[in-house]
Amino acid sequence: MSPMRVLLADDHALFRDGLASLLQAWDVEVVGQASDGLEAVEQALALRPDLVLMDIRMPRLGGLEATRRIKAVLPETKIAMLTVSDEERDLLEAIKAGAEGYLLKNMAGAEFGEMLAALARGEPTISRSLAGKLLREFGRQVRSEPVAKVATELTDREKEVLQHVARGATSKEVAQRLAISVNTVNYHMKNILEKLHAHSRAEAAARAIHEGLVEPGGSP
């Protein structure tokens, strides 16, 4: 398998260089670096990376708008915000903009490596410390509007999967705990999203908790 091709977008050159060195040590190919959102859009369109690691606060064009512009043209390119901001508004806007990940710069290297691997597998992921915030924000939204009635009740297995997802577990972690394959977990998640009329794992978990289909839990 060829190494993942990554574009770095951050207005701090020293941080970009340090991150590039770390990624290269992990056999990840850093195909470009951008110092602001406009450069990120230009380089993404030219280089077509597998993943963009995007800061939120940057000059000329912020990371959220850059994400929207890249996703409009390159929907297959994954984007993960890599930021110091743990504000719920930024987190929610990033997910709405199409970001597959939301990672905090203060995370440990091992956790960052795990999340990078999850993104490479196509799993949306956010820093675990933020999972509760995202669920609460979606929970407020679903309480303020009628929740779509579940057309078909969730199966017991789907509820088990959703319970773990609501606690912030990745597909790989769910698979290990339920002794099933990752493909099976993703198949269940596809059915869950359809049944709950949700657009993301986080939204599905929030809707399920609000409806009483699963109970909110602690750490995964």
N, C-alpha and C. Protein backbone atom coordinates (compact mmCIF):
# COMPACT_ATOMS: atom_id res chain seq x y z
N MET A 1 0.84 -1.20 0.00
CA MET A 1 0.00 0.00 0.00
C MET A 1 0.88 1.25 0.00
N SER A 2 0.57 2.21 -0.85
CA SER A 2 1.35 3.43 -0.93
C SER A 2 1.08 4.29 0.30
N PRO A 3 2.08 5.09 0.73
CA PRO A 3 1.89 5.91 1.93
C PRO A 3 0.83 6.98 1.70
N MET A 4 0.17 7.37 2.79
CA MET A 4 -0.83 8.42 2.71
C MET A 4 -0.15 9.74 2.37
N ARG A 5 -0.77 10.49 1.47
CA ARG A 5 -0.24 11.77 1.02
C ARG A 5 -0.96 12.89 1.78
N VAL A 6 -0.20 13.71 2.51
CA VAL A 6 -0.79 14.68 3.42
C VAL A 6 -0.33 16.10 3.08
N LEU A 7 -1.27 17.04 3.14
CA LEU A 7 -0.98 18.46 3.01
C LEU A 7 -1.16 19.10 4.38
N LEU A 8 -0.19 19.92 4.81
CA LEU A 8 -0.25 20.60 6.09
C LEU A 8 -0.62 22.07 5.87
N ALA A 9 -1.61 22.56 6.61
CA ALA A 9 -2.02 23.96 6.51
C ALA A 9 -2.03 24.57 7.90
N ASP A 10 -1.05 25.44 8.17
CA ASP A 10 -0.94 26.09 9.47
C ASP A 10 -0.07 27.33 9.28
N ASP A 11 -0.39 28.41 9.98
CA ASP A 11 0.36 29.64 9.77
C ASP A 11 1.63 29.73 10.61
N HIS A 12 1.96 28.67 11.36
CA HIS A 12 3.19 28.64 12.13
C HIS A 12 4.17 27.67 11.47
N ALA A 13 5.21 28.24 10.85
CA ALA A 13 6.15 27.43 10.08
C ALA A 13 6.87 26.40 10.94
N LEU A 14 7.23 26.78 12.17
CA LEU A 14 7.93 25.86 13.04
C LEU A 14 7.07 24.65 13.39
N PHE A 15 5.78 24.89 13.63
CA PHE A 15 4.86 23.78 13.92
C PHE A 15 4.74 22.87 12.70
N ARG A 16 4.60 23.47 11.51
CA ARG A 16 4.48 22.65 10.29
C ARG A 16 5.72 21.78 10.10
N ASP A 17 6.90 22.37 10.30
CA ASP A 17 8.13 21.61 10.10
C ASP A 17 8.24 20.46 11.10
N GLY A 18 7.87 20.73 12.35
CA GLY A 18 7.92 19.67 13.35
C GLY A 18 6.94 18.55 13.04
N LEU A 19 5.73 18.93 12.62
CA LEU A 19 4.72 17.94 12.28
C LEU A 19 5.14 17.14 11.05
N ALA A 20 5.74 17.83 10.07
CA ALA A 20 6.20 17.14 8.87
C ALA A 20 7.26 16.10 9.22
N SER A 21 8.17 16.44 10.12
CA SER A 21 9.21 15.49 10.52
C SER A 21 8.60 14.27 11.21
N LEU A 22 7.60 14.51 12.06
CA LEU A 22 6.93 13.41 12.76
C LEU A 22 6.23 12.49 11.76
N LEU A 23 5.49 13.08 10.83
CA LEU A 23 4.76 12.28 9.85
C LEU A 23 5.70 11.48 8.95
N GLN A 24 6.79 12.10 8.54
CA GLN A 24 7.75 11.39 7.69
C GLN A 24 8.40 10.24 8.43
N ALA A 25 8.58 10.39 9.75
CA ALA A 25 9.12 9.28 10.55
C ALA A 25 8.14 8.12 10.59
N TRP A 26 6.85 8.41 10.40
CA TRP A 26 5.82 7.38 10.37
C TRP A 26 5.52 6.90 8.94
N ASP A 27 6.39 7.25 8.01
CA ASP A 27 6.24 6.85 6.60
C ASP A 27 5.00 7.46 5.95
N VAL A 28 4.63 8.65 6.40
CA VAL A 28 3.55 9.41 5.77
C VAL A 28 4.19 10.45 4.86
N GLU A 29 3.72 10.55 3.64
CA GLU A 29 4.30 11.48 2.67
C GLU A 29 3.67 12.86 2.81
N VAL A 30 4.47 13.85 3.16
CA VAL A 30 4.00 15.23 3.23
C VAL A 30 4.23 15.87 1.86
N VAL A 31 3.15 16.08 1.12
CA VAL A 31 3.28 16.55 -0.26
C VAL A 31 3.33 18.06 -0.37
N GLY A 32 2.95 18.78 0.70
CA GLY A 32 2.98 20.23 0.63
C GLY A 32 2.67 20.87 1.96
N GLN A 33 3.00 22.17 2.06
CA GLN A 33 2.70 22.94 3.25
C GLN A 33 2.11 24.27 2.83
N ALA A 34 1.09 24.73 3.58
CA ALA A 34 0.43 26.00 3.28
C ALA A 34 0.41 26.84 4.55
N SER A 35 0.62 28.16 4.39
CA SER A 35 0.68 29.05 5.55
C SER A 35 -0.63 29.77 5.81
N ASP A 36 -1.63 29.59 4.94
CA ASP A 36 -2.95 30.18 5.16
C ASP A 36 -3.99 29.41 4.37
N GLY A 37 -5.26 29.79 4.56
CA GLY A 37 -6.34 29.04 3.93
C GLY A 37 -6.35 29.10 2.41
N LEU A 38 -5.98 30.25 1.86
CA LEU A 38 -5.97 30.37 0.40
C LEU A 38 -4.90 29.45 -0.21
N GLU A 39 -3.72 29.43 0.42
CA GLU A 39 -2.69 28.52 -0.07
C GLU A 39 -3.13 27.07 0.07
N ALA A 40 -3.84 26.78 1.15
CA ALA A 40 -4.32 25.41 1.36
C ALA A 40 -5.25 24.98 0.24
N VAL A 41 -6.17 25.87 -0.16
CA VAL A 41 -7.09 25.55 -1.25
C VAL A 41 -6.33 25.36 -2.55
N GLU A 42 -5.42 26.28 -2.85
CA GLU A 42 -4.65 26.20 -4.10
C GLU A 42 -3.82 24.92 -4.16
N GLN A 43 -3.13 24.59 -3.06
CA GLN A 43 -2.29 23.40 -3.07
C GLN A 43 -3.12 22.11 -3.09
N ALA A 44 -4.25 22.12 -2.39
CA ALA A 44 -5.11 20.93 -2.40
C ALA A 44 -5.60 20.64 -3.82
N LEU A 45 -6.01 21.67 -4.54
CA LEU A 45 -6.51 21.47 -5.90
C LEU A 45 -5.40 21.02 -6.83
N ALA A 46 -4.17 21.50 -6.59
CA ALA A 46 -3.05 21.13 -7.45
C ALA A 46 -2.48 19.76 -7.10
N LEU A 47 -2.40 19.44 -5.80
CA LEU A 47 -1.72 18.23 -5.36
C LEU A 47 -2.66 17.05 -5.12
N ARG A 48 -3.94 17.34 -4.87
CA ARG A 48 -4.93 16.31 -4.59
C ARG A 48 -4.45 15.30 -3.53
N PRO A 49 -4.17 15.79 -2.33
CA PRO A 49 -3.69 14.90 -1.27
C PRO A 49 -4.79 13.98 -0.77
N ASP A 50 -4.39 12.93 -0.06
CA ASP A 50 -5.37 12.04 0.57
C ASP A 50 -5.99 12.72 1.79
N LEU A 51 -5.18 13.52 2.49
CA LEU A 51 -5.62 14.15 3.74
C LEU A 51 -5.02 15.53 3.86
N VAL A 52 -5.82 16.48 4.34
CA VAL A 52 -5.34 17.81 4.69
C VAL A 52 -5.48 17.97 6.20
N LEU A 53 -4.37 18.30 6.87
CA LEU A 53 -4.41 18.66 8.29
C LEU A 53 -4.48 20.17 8.36
N MET A 54 -5.61 20.70 8.81
CA MET A 54 -5.96 22.11 8.64
C MET A 54 -6.14 22.82 9.98
N ASP A 55 -5.40 23.92 10.16
CA ASP A 55 -5.64 24.77 11.32
C ASP A 55 -6.91 25.58 11.08
N ILE A 56 -7.54 26.08 12.13
CA ILE A 56 -8.76 26.88 11.97
C ILE A 56 -8.43 28.36 11.82
N ARG A 57 -7.62 28.89 12.72
CA ARG A 57 -7.29 30.32 12.71
C ARG A 57 -6.07 30.56 11.84
N MET A 58 -6.27 31.09 10.64
CA MET A 58 -5.18 31.42 9.73
C MET A 58 -5.48 32.73 9.02
N PRO A 59 -4.44 33.45 8.58
CA PRO A 59 -4.67 34.71 7.87
C PRO A 59 -5.25 34.49 6.48
N ARG A 60 -5.81 35.59 5.95
CA ARG A 60 -6.40 35.65 4.60
C ARG A 60 -7.66 34.80 4.48
N LEU A 61 -7.58 33.53 4.85
CA LEU A 61 -8.75 32.66 4.78
C LEU A 61 -8.64 31.62 5.89
N GLY A 62 -9.68 31.52 6.70
CA GLY A 62 -9.66 30.58 7.81
C GLY A 62 -9.82 29.14 7.35
N GLY A 63 -9.51 28.22 8.25
CA GLY A 63 -9.57 26.81 7.91
C GLY A 63 -10.95 26.27 7.62
N LEU A 64 -11.97 26.83 8.27
CA LEU A 64 -13.34 26.35 8.03
C LEU A 64 -13.79 26.66 6.62
N GLU A 65 -13.56 27.89 6.16
CA GLU A 65 -13.95 28.25 4.80
C GLU A 65 -13.08 27.52 3.78
N ALA A 66 -11.80 27.35 4.09
CA ALA A 66 -10.92 26.59 3.20
C ALA A 66 -11.42 25.16 3.05
N THR A 67 -11.89 24.59 4.15
CA THR A 67 -12.44 23.23 4.11
C THR A 67 -13.66 23.17 3.19
N ARG A 68 -14.55 24.12 3.32
CA ARG A 68 -15.74 24.16 2.46
C ARG A 68 -15.35 24.22 0.99
N ARG A 69 -14.38 25.06 0.66
CA ARG A 69 -13.97 25.24 -0.74
C ARG A 69 -13.31 23.98 -1.29
N ILE A 70 -12.47 23.36 -0.49
CA ILE A 70 -11.81 22.14 -0.95
C ILE A 70 -12.83 21.02 -1.14
N LYS A 71 -13.73 20.85 -0.18
CA LYS A 71 -14.72 19.78 -0.25
C LYS A 71 -15.68 19.96 -1.44
N ALA A 72 -15.93 21.21 -1.82
CA ALA A 72 -16.84 21.47 -2.95
C ALA A 72 -16.26 20.94 -4.25
N VAL A 73 -14.93 20.88 -4.35
CA VAL A 73 -14.28 20.44 -5.58
C VAL A 73 -13.69 19.04 -5.44
N LEU A 74 -13.18 18.74 -4.25
CA LEU A 74 -12.53 17.45 -4.01
C LEU A 74 -13.20 16.74 -2.83
N PRO A 75 -14.42 16.26 -3.00
CA PRO A 75 -15.12 15.63 -1.88
C PRO A 75 -14.43 14.38 -1.36
N GLU A 76 -13.58 13.76 -2.20
CA GLU A 76 -12.91 12.53 -1.76
C GLU A 76 -11.70 12.81 -0.88
N THR A 77 -11.21 14.04 -0.87
CA THR A 77 -10.07 14.40 -0.02
C THR A 77 -10.54 14.55 1.42
N LYS A 78 -9.88 13.83 2.32
CA LYS A 78 -10.23 13.92 3.74
C LYS A 78 -9.59 15.17 4.34
N ILE A 79 -10.31 15.81 5.24
CA ILE A 79 -9.78 16.99 5.93
C ILE A 79 -9.99 16.81 7.43
N ALA A 80 -8.93 17.03 8.19
CA ALA A 80 -9.03 17.00 9.65
C ALA A 80 -8.51 18.32 10.19
N MET A 81 -9.32 18.96 11.03
CA MET A 81 -8.86 20.18 11.67
C MET A 81 -7.85 19.79 12.75
N LEU A 82 -6.73 20.50 12.78
CA LEU A 82 -5.71 20.29 13.81
C LEU A 82 -5.49 21.65 14.46
N THR A 83 -6.04 21.85 15.64
CA THR A 83 -6.21 23.19 16.19
C THR A 83 -6.09 23.21 17.71
N VAL A 84 -5.96 24.41 18.26
CA VAL A 84 -5.99 24.57 19.72
C VAL A 84 -7.41 24.85 20.20
N SER A 85 -8.33 25.11 19.28
CA SER A 85 -9.69 25.50 19.66
C SER A 85 -10.54 24.29 20.05
N ASP A 86 -11.05 24.33 21.29
CA ASP A 86 -11.98 23.28 21.71
C ASP A 86 -13.39 23.85 21.87
N GLU A 87 -13.65 24.97 21.17
CA GLU A 87 -14.97 25.59 21.25
C GLU A 87 -15.99 24.76 20.47
N GLU A 88 -17.16 24.60 21.07
CA GLU A 88 -18.21 23.78 20.45
C GLU A 88 -18.60 24.33 19.08
N ARG A 89 -18.65 25.66 18.96
CA ARG A 89 -19.06 26.26 17.68
C ARG A 89 -18.09 25.88 16.56
N ASP A 90 -16.78 25.97 16.83
CA ASP A 90 -15.80 25.59 15.82
C ASP A 90 -15.92 24.11 15.47
N LEU A 91 -16.10 23.28 16.49
CA LEU A 91 -16.23 21.85 16.28
C LEU A 91 -17.43 21.53 15.40
N LEU A 92 -18.57 22.14 15.70
CA LEU A 92 -19.78 21.87 14.94
C LEU A 92 -19.66 22.39 13.52
N GLU A 93 -19.11 23.59 13.35
CA GLU A 93 -18.95 24.17 12.01
C GLU A 93 -17.99 23.35 11.16
N ALA A 94 -16.96 22.79 11.78
CA ALA A 94 -16.03 21.96 11.04
C ALA A 94 -16.71 20.71 10.49
N ILE A 95 -17.53 20.08 11.32
CA ILE A 95 -18.26 18.89 10.88
C ILE A 95 -19.23 19.25 9.76
N LYS A 96 -19.92 20.38 9.91
CA LYS A 96 -20.85 20.82 8.87
C LYS A 96 -20.12 21.15 7.57
N ALA A 97 -18.89 21.66 7.68
CA ALA A 97 -18.12 22.03 6.50
C ALA A 97 -17.63 20.80 5.74
N GLY A 98 -17.69 19.64 6.39
CA GLY A 98 -17.28 18.41 5.72
C GLY A 98 -16.03 17.76 6.27
N ALA A 99 -15.47 18.31 7.37
CA ALA A 99 -14.26 17.73 7.94
C ALA A 99 -14.53 16.34 8.51
N GLU A 100 -13.63 15.42 8.24
CA GLU A 100 -13.76 14.06 8.79
C GLU A 100 -13.13 13.93 10.16
N GLY A 101 -12.34 14.92 10.57
CA GLY A 101 -11.68 14.83 11.86
C GLY A 101 -11.54 16.18 12.52
N TYR A 102 -11.43 16.15 13.84
CA TYR A 102 -11.21 17.37 14.62
C TYR A 102 -10.26 17.00 15.75
N LEU A 103 -9.00 17.40 15.61
CA LEU A 103 -7.95 16.98 16.52
C LEU A 103 -7.36 18.19 17.23
N LEU A 104 -7.04 18.03 18.51
CA LEU A 104 -6.46 19.11 19.29
C LEU A 104 -4.93 18.99 19.29
N LYS A 105 -4.27 20.14 19.21
CA LYS A 105 -2.82 20.15 19.13
C LYS A 105 -2.14 19.69 20.42
N ASN A 106 -2.87 19.68 21.53
CA ASN A 106 -2.26 19.27 22.79
C ASN A 106 -2.36 17.77 23.04
N MET A 107 -2.84 17.00 22.06
CA MET A 107 -2.96 15.55 22.26
C MET A 107 -1.58 14.90 22.26
N ALA A 108 -1.50 13.75 22.88
CA ALA A 108 -0.25 12.99 22.91
C ALA A 108 0.04 12.40 21.54
N GLY A 109 1.32 12.16 21.27
CA GLY A 109 1.72 11.63 19.97
C GLY A 109 1.07 10.30 19.66
N ALA A 110 0.94 9.44 20.67
CA ALA A 110 0.34 8.12 20.44
C ALA A 110 -1.11 8.25 20.02
N GLU A 111 -1.86 9.16 20.67
CA GLU A 111 -3.26 9.36 20.31
C GLU A 111 -3.37 9.93 18.90
N PHE A 112 -2.48 10.87 18.57
CA PHE A 112 -2.48 11.44 17.23
C PHE A 112 -2.22 10.36 16.18
N GLY A 113 -1.29 9.48 16.47
CA GLY A 113 -0.99 8.39 15.54
C GLY A 113 -2.18 7.47 15.33
N GLU A 114 -2.91 7.17 16.43
CA GLU A 114 -4.10 6.32 16.33
C GLU A 114 -5.18 6.99 15.47
N MET A 115 -5.36 8.29 15.66
CA MET A 115 -6.40 8.99 14.92
C MET A 115 -6.02 9.15 13.45
N LEU A 116 -4.73 9.32 13.19
CA LEU A 116 -4.27 9.40 11.80
C LEU A 116 -4.54 8.07 11.09
N ALA A 117 -4.29 6.97 11.79
CA ALA A 117 -4.55 5.65 11.22
C ALA A 117 -6.04 5.46 10.97
N ALA A 118 -6.88 5.95 11.90
CA ALA A 118 -8.34 5.84 11.72
C ALA A 118 -8.79 6.65 10.51
N LEU A 119 -8.23 7.84 10.32
CA LEU A 119 -8.58 8.65 9.16
C LEU A 119 -8.16 7.95 7.87
N ALA A 120 -7.00 7.30 7.89
CA ALA A 120 -6.53 6.57 6.72
C ALA A 120 -7.48 5.43 6.36
N ARG A 121 -8.13 4.86 7.38
CA ARG A 121 -9.11 3.78 7.14
C ARG A 121 -10.47 4.32 6.72
N GLY A 122 -10.60 5.64 6.70
CA GLY A 122 -11.87 6.24 6.30
C GLY A 122 -12.83 6.43 7.44
N GLU A 123 -12.33 6.41 8.69
CA GLU A 123 -13.20 6.58 9.85
C GLU A 123 -13.16 8.04 10.32
N PRO A 124 -14.31 8.71 10.36
CA PRO A 124 -14.33 10.06 10.96
C PRO A 124 -13.90 9.98 12.41
N THR A 125 -13.11 10.95 12.87
CA THR A 125 -12.63 10.87 14.23
C THR A 125 -12.41 12.26 14.82
N ILE A 126 -12.65 12.37 16.12
CA ILE A 126 -12.36 13.61 16.84
C ILE A 126 -11.65 13.26 18.13
N SER A 127 -10.93 14.23 18.68
CA SER A 127 -10.27 14.01 19.97
C SER A 127 -11.31 13.55 20.99
N ARG A 128 -10.99 12.55 21.76
CA ARG A 128 -11.98 11.96 22.66
C ARG A 128 -12.49 12.95 23.68
N SER A 129 -11.65 13.92 24.06
CA SER A 129 -12.09 14.92 25.04
C SER A 129 -13.20 15.80 24.49
N LEU A 130 -13.39 15.78 23.15
CA LEU A 130 -14.41 16.63 22.53
C LEU A 130 -15.68 15.87 22.19
N ALA A 131 -15.67 14.54 22.31
CA ALA A 131 -16.83 13.75 21.91
C ALA A 131 -18.09 14.19 22.66
N GLY A 132 -17.96 14.40 23.96
CA GLY A 132 -19.13 14.82 24.75
C GLY A 132 -19.67 16.16 24.31
N LYS A 133 -18.78 17.10 23.97
CA LYS A 133 -19.22 18.42 23.52
C LYS A 133 -20.01 18.32 22.23
N LEU A 134 -19.53 17.49 21.30
CA LEU A 134 -20.23 17.36 20.03
C LEU A 134 -21.60 16.74 20.23
N LEU A 135 -21.69 15.74 21.08
CA LEU A 135 -22.98 15.10 21.36
C LEU A 135 -23.95 16.08 22.01
N ARG A 136 -23.45 16.88 22.95
CA ARG A 136 -24.32 17.86 23.60
C ARG A 136 -24.84 18.90 22.60
N GLU A 137 -23.96 19.32 21.69
CA GLU A 137 -24.38 20.33 20.71
C GLU A 137 -25.45 19.77 19.77
N PHE A 138 -25.22 18.55 19.26
CA PHE A 138 -26.24 17.92 18.42
C PHE A 138 -27.50 17.65 19.23
N GLY A 139 -27.32 17.30 20.51
CA GLY A 139 -28.48 17.06 21.36
C GLY A 139 -29.35 18.29 21.49
N ARG A 140 -28.74 19.47 21.63
CA ARG A 140 -29.52 20.71 21.70
C ARG A 140 -30.28 20.94 20.40
N GLN A 141 -29.66 20.60 19.28
CA GLN A 141 -30.32 20.80 17.99
C GLN A 141 -31.52 19.88 17.82
N VAL A 142 -31.34 18.61 18.19
CA VAL A 142 -32.45 17.70 17.97
C VAL A 142 -33.59 17.97 18.95
N ARG A 143 -33.29 18.57 20.13
CA ARG A 143 -34.36 18.92 21.06
C ARG A 143 -35.16 20.12 20.57
N SER A 144 -34.53 20.94 19.72
CA SER A 144 -35.19 22.15 19.25
C SER A 144 -36.00 21.91 17.98
N GLU A 145 -35.97 20.67 17.48
CA GLU A 145 -36.74 20.36 16.28
C GLU A 145 -37.30 18.95 16.41
N PRO A 146 -38.38 18.61 15.70
CA PRO A 146 -38.92 17.26 15.80
C PRO A 146 -37.89 16.23 15.35
N VAL A 147 -37.70 15.19 16.13
CA VAL A 147 -36.77 14.13 15.75
C VAL A 147 -37.48 13.18 14.80
N ALA A 148 -36.82 12.89 13.68
CA ALA A 148 -37.44 12.01 12.68
C ALA A 148 -37.74 10.66 13.31
N LYS A 149 -38.95 10.16 13.09
CA LYS A 149 -39.34 8.87 13.65
C LYS A 149 -38.55 7.76 12.98
N VAL A 150 -38.05 6.87 13.77
CA VAL A 150 -37.27 5.76 13.24
C VAL A 150 -38.20 4.85 12.44
N ALA A 151 -37.91 4.73 11.12
CA ALA A 151 -38.79 3.94 10.25
C ALA A 151 -38.80 2.47 10.66
N THR A 152 -37.63 1.96 10.97
CA THR A 152 -37.50 0.57 11.42
C THR A 152 -36.71 0.57 12.70
N GLU A 153 -37.19 -0.12 13.72
CA GLU A 153 -36.48 -0.12 14.99
C GLU A 153 -35.08 -0.68 14.83
N LEU A 154 -34.16 -0.10 15.61
CA LEU A 154 -32.79 -0.60 15.59
C LEU A 154 -32.75 -2.02 16.14
N THR A 155 -31.91 -2.86 15.54
CA THR A 155 -31.72 -4.21 16.07
C THR A 155 -30.88 -4.13 17.34
N ASP A 156 -30.86 -5.21 18.09
CA ASP A 156 -30.05 -5.24 19.31
C ASP A 156 -28.58 -4.99 18.99
N ARG A 157 -28.10 -5.57 17.90
CA ARG A 157 -26.69 -5.38 17.52
C ARG A 157 -26.42 -3.93 17.13
N GLU A 158 -27.36 -3.31 16.42
CA GLU A 158 -27.19 -1.91 16.05
C GLU A 158 -27.16 -1.02 17.30
N LYS A 159 -27.97 -1.36 18.29
CA LYS A 159 -27.94 -0.59 19.54
C LYS A 159 -26.61 -0.76 20.25
N GLU A 160 -26.06 -1.98 20.20
CA GLU A 160 -24.75 -2.21 20.82
C GLU A 160 -23.68 -1.37 20.14
N VAL A 161 -23.71 -1.36 18.81
CA VAL A 161 -22.74 -0.57 18.05
C VAL A 161 -22.89 0.91 18.39
N LEU A 162 -24.11 1.37 18.41
CA LEU A 162 -24.38 2.79 18.66
C LEU A 162 -23.99 3.18 20.08
N GLN A 163 -24.17 2.27 21.02
CA GLN A 163 -23.78 2.54 22.40
C GLN A 163 -22.29 2.85 22.50
N HIS A 164 -21.48 2.04 21.82
CA HIS A 164 -20.04 2.25 21.84
C HIS A 164 -19.66 3.53 21.09
N VAL A 165 -20.32 3.79 19.96
CA VAL A 165 -20.04 5.00 19.20
C VAL A 165 -20.37 6.24 20.03
N ALA A 166 -21.47 6.17 20.79
CA ALA A 166 -21.86 7.30 21.64
C ALA A 166 -20.83 7.58 22.72
N ARG A 167 -20.00 6.60 23.03
CA ARG A 167 -18.94 6.78 24.02
C ARG A 167 -17.62 7.20 23.38
N GLY A 168 -17.65 7.41 22.05
CA GLY A 168 -16.46 7.90 21.36
C GLY A 168 -15.57 6.84 20.77
N ALA A 169 -16.02 5.58 20.72
CA ALA A 169 -15.20 4.50 20.19
C ALA A 169 -15.11 4.57 18.67
N THR A 170 -13.95 4.21 18.12
CA THR A 170 -13.79 4.12 16.68
C THR A 170 -14.37 2.80 16.18
N SER A 171 -14.49 2.66 14.87
CA SER A 171 -15.02 1.41 14.31
C SER A 171 -14.14 0.23 14.70
N LYS A 172 -12.82 0.43 14.71
CA LYS A 172 -11.91 -0.65 15.08
C LYS A 172 -12.14 -1.08 16.53
N GLU A 173 -12.32 -0.08 17.41
CA GLU A 173 -12.55 -0.40 18.83
C GLU A 173 -13.88 -1.11 19.02
N VAL A 174 -14.91 -0.68 18.30
CA VAL A 174 -16.21 -1.35 18.39
C VAL A 174 -16.08 -2.80 17.92
N ALA A 175 -15.37 -2.99 16.82
CA ALA A 175 -15.19 -4.34 16.28
C ALA A 175 -14.51 -5.25 17.29
N GLN A 176 -13.48 -4.73 17.96
CA GLN A 176 -12.76 -5.54 18.95
C GLN A 176 -13.66 -5.90 20.13
N ARG A 177 -14.47 -4.95 20.59
CA ARG A 177 -15.31 -5.20 21.77
C ARG A 177 -16.47 -6.14 21.47
N LEU A 178 -16.95 -6.12 20.23
CA LEU A 178 -18.10 -6.96 19.87
C LEU A 178 -17.67 -8.22 19.12
N ALA A 179 -16.35 -8.36 18.91
CA ALA A 179 -15.81 -9.54 18.21
C ALA A 179 -16.40 -9.70 16.82
N ILE A 180 -16.47 -8.58 16.09
CA ILE A 180 -16.93 -8.60 14.70
C ILE A 180 -15.91 -7.83 13.87
N SER A 181 -16.05 -7.86 12.56
CA SER A 181 -15.10 -7.17 11.70
C SER A 181 -15.42 -5.68 11.59
N VAL A 182 -14.44 -4.89 11.20
CA VAL A 182 -14.65 -3.46 11.00
C VAL A 182 -15.67 -3.24 9.89
N ASN A 183 -15.62 -4.06 8.85
CA ASN A 183 -16.59 -3.94 7.76
C ASN A 183 -18.01 -4.14 8.26
N THR A 184 -18.17 -5.07 9.20
CA THR A 184 -19.50 -5.31 9.77
C THR A 184 -19.96 -4.12 10.58
N VAL A 185 -19.04 -3.53 11.35
CA VAL A 185 -19.38 -2.32 12.11
C VAL A 185 -19.83 -1.21 11.16
N ASN A 186 -19.08 -1.01 10.09
CA ASN A 186 -19.43 0.05 9.14
C ASN A 186 -20.77 -0.23 8.46
N TYR A 187 -21.06 -1.51 8.22
CA TYR A 187 -22.35 -1.89 7.64
C TYR A 187 -23.48 -1.53 8.60
N HIS A 188 -23.29 -1.85 9.89
CA HIS A 188 -24.30 -1.49 10.90
C HIS A 188 -24.47 0.02 10.98
N MET A 189 -23.35 0.76 10.92
CA MET A 189 -23.43 2.22 11.01
C MET A 189 -24.19 2.80 9.82
N LYS A 190 -24.02 2.23 8.67
CA LYS A 190 -24.75 2.71 7.49
C LYS A 190 -26.25 2.54 7.72
N ASN A 191 -26.66 1.39 8.25
CA ASN A 191 -28.08 1.15 8.53
C ASN A 191 -28.59 2.08 9.63
N ILE A 192 -27.76 2.31 10.64
CA ILE A 192 -28.15 3.19 11.74
C ILE A 192 -28.40 4.60 11.24
N LEU A 193 -27.49 5.11 10.41
CA LEU A 193 -27.64 6.47 9.87
C LEU A 193 -28.93 6.60 9.07
N GLU A 194 -29.24 5.58 8.29
CA GLU A 194 -30.47 5.61 7.49
C GLU A 194 -31.70 5.59 8.38
N LYS A 195 -31.69 4.74 9.39
CA LYS A 195 -32.87 4.60 10.25
C LYS A 195 -33.11 5.83 11.11
N LEU A 196 -32.03 6.49 11.52
CA LEU A 196 -32.17 7.67 12.37
C LEU A 196 -32.19 8.97 11.56
N HIS A 197 -32.11 8.85 10.23
CA HIS A 197 -32.09 10.02 9.36
C HIS A 197 -30.99 11.00 9.81
N ALA A 198 -29.83 10.44 10.12
CA ALA A 198 -28.69 11.23 10.58
C ALA A 198 -27.64 11.31 9.48
N HIS A 199 -26.80 12.35 9.55
CA HIS A 199 -25.79 12.58 8.53
C HIS A 199 -24.39 12.20 9.00
N SER A 200 -24.22 11.92 10.28
CA SER A 200 -22.90 11.58 10.80
C SER A 200 -23.06 10.67 12.01
N ARG A 201 -21.95 10.05 12.40
CA ARG A 201 -21.95 9.19 13.59
C ARG A 201 -22.34 9.97 14.84
N ALA A 202 -21.79 11.18 14.96
CA ALA A 202 -22.07 11.99 16.14
C ALA A 202 -23.55 12.36 16.21
N GLU A 203 -24.12 12.73 15.08
CA GLU A 203 -25.53 13.10 15.06
C GLU A 203 -26.40 11.88 15.39
N ALA A 204 -26.02 10.72 14.85
CA ALA A 204 -26.79 9.50 15.14
C ALA A 204 -26.76 9.19 16.63
N ALA A 205 -25.58 9.33 17.24
CA ALA A 205 -25.46 9.07 18.68
C ALA A 205 -26.31 10.04 19.49
N ALA A 206 -26.27 11.32 19.11
CA ALA A 206 -27.05 12.33 19.84
C ALA A 206 -28.55 12.06 19.71
N ARG A 207 -28.99 11.70 18.51
CA ARG A 207 -30.41 11.41 18.30
C ARG A 207 -30.83 10.17 19.10
N ALA A 208 -29.97 9.16 19.10
CA ALA A 208 -30.30 7.93 19.82
C ALA A 208 -30.40 8.17 21.32
N ILE A 209 -29.49 8.98 21.85
CA ILE A 209 -29.53 9.31 23.28
C ILE A 209 -30.79 10.09 23.60
N HIS A 210 -31.12 11.07 22.74
CA HIS A 210 -32.31 11.89 22.96
C HIS A 210 -33.58 11.05 22.93
N GLU A 211 -33.61 10.04 22.03
CA GLU A 211 -34.78 9.18 21.89
C GLU A 211 -34.81 8.08 22.95
N GLY A 212 -33.73 7.95 23.72
CA GLY A 212 -33.68 6.91 24.74
C GLY A 212 -33.35 5.54 24.17
N LEU A 213 -32.82 5.51 22.94
CA LEU A 213 -32.46 4.22 22.32
C LEU A 213 -31.19 3.64 22.95
N VAL A 214 -30.29 4.53 23.37
CA VAL A 214 -29.10 4.10 24.09
C VAL A 214 -28.88 5.07 25.23
N GLU A 215 -28.06 4.65 26.17
CA GLU A 215 -27.75 5.50 27.31
C GLU A 215 -26.39 6.14 27.10
N PRO A 216 -26.26 7.43 27.41
CA PRO A 216 -24.94 8.05 27.29
C PRO A 216 -23.99 7.42 28.28
N GLY A 217 -22.75 7.26 27.86
CA GLY A 217 -21.78 6.63 28.73
C GLY A 217 -20.59 7.50 28.98
N GLY A 218 -19.60 6.93 29.66
CA GLY A 218 -18.40 7.67 29.97
C GLY A 218 -17.36 7.44 28.89
N SER A 219 -16.13 7.22 29.32
CA SER A 219 -15.06 7.04 28.35
C SER A 219 -15.24 5.72 27.65
N PRO A 220 -14.76 5.65 26.39
CA PRO A 220 -14.94 4.42 25.60
C PRO A 220 -14.16 3.26 26.15
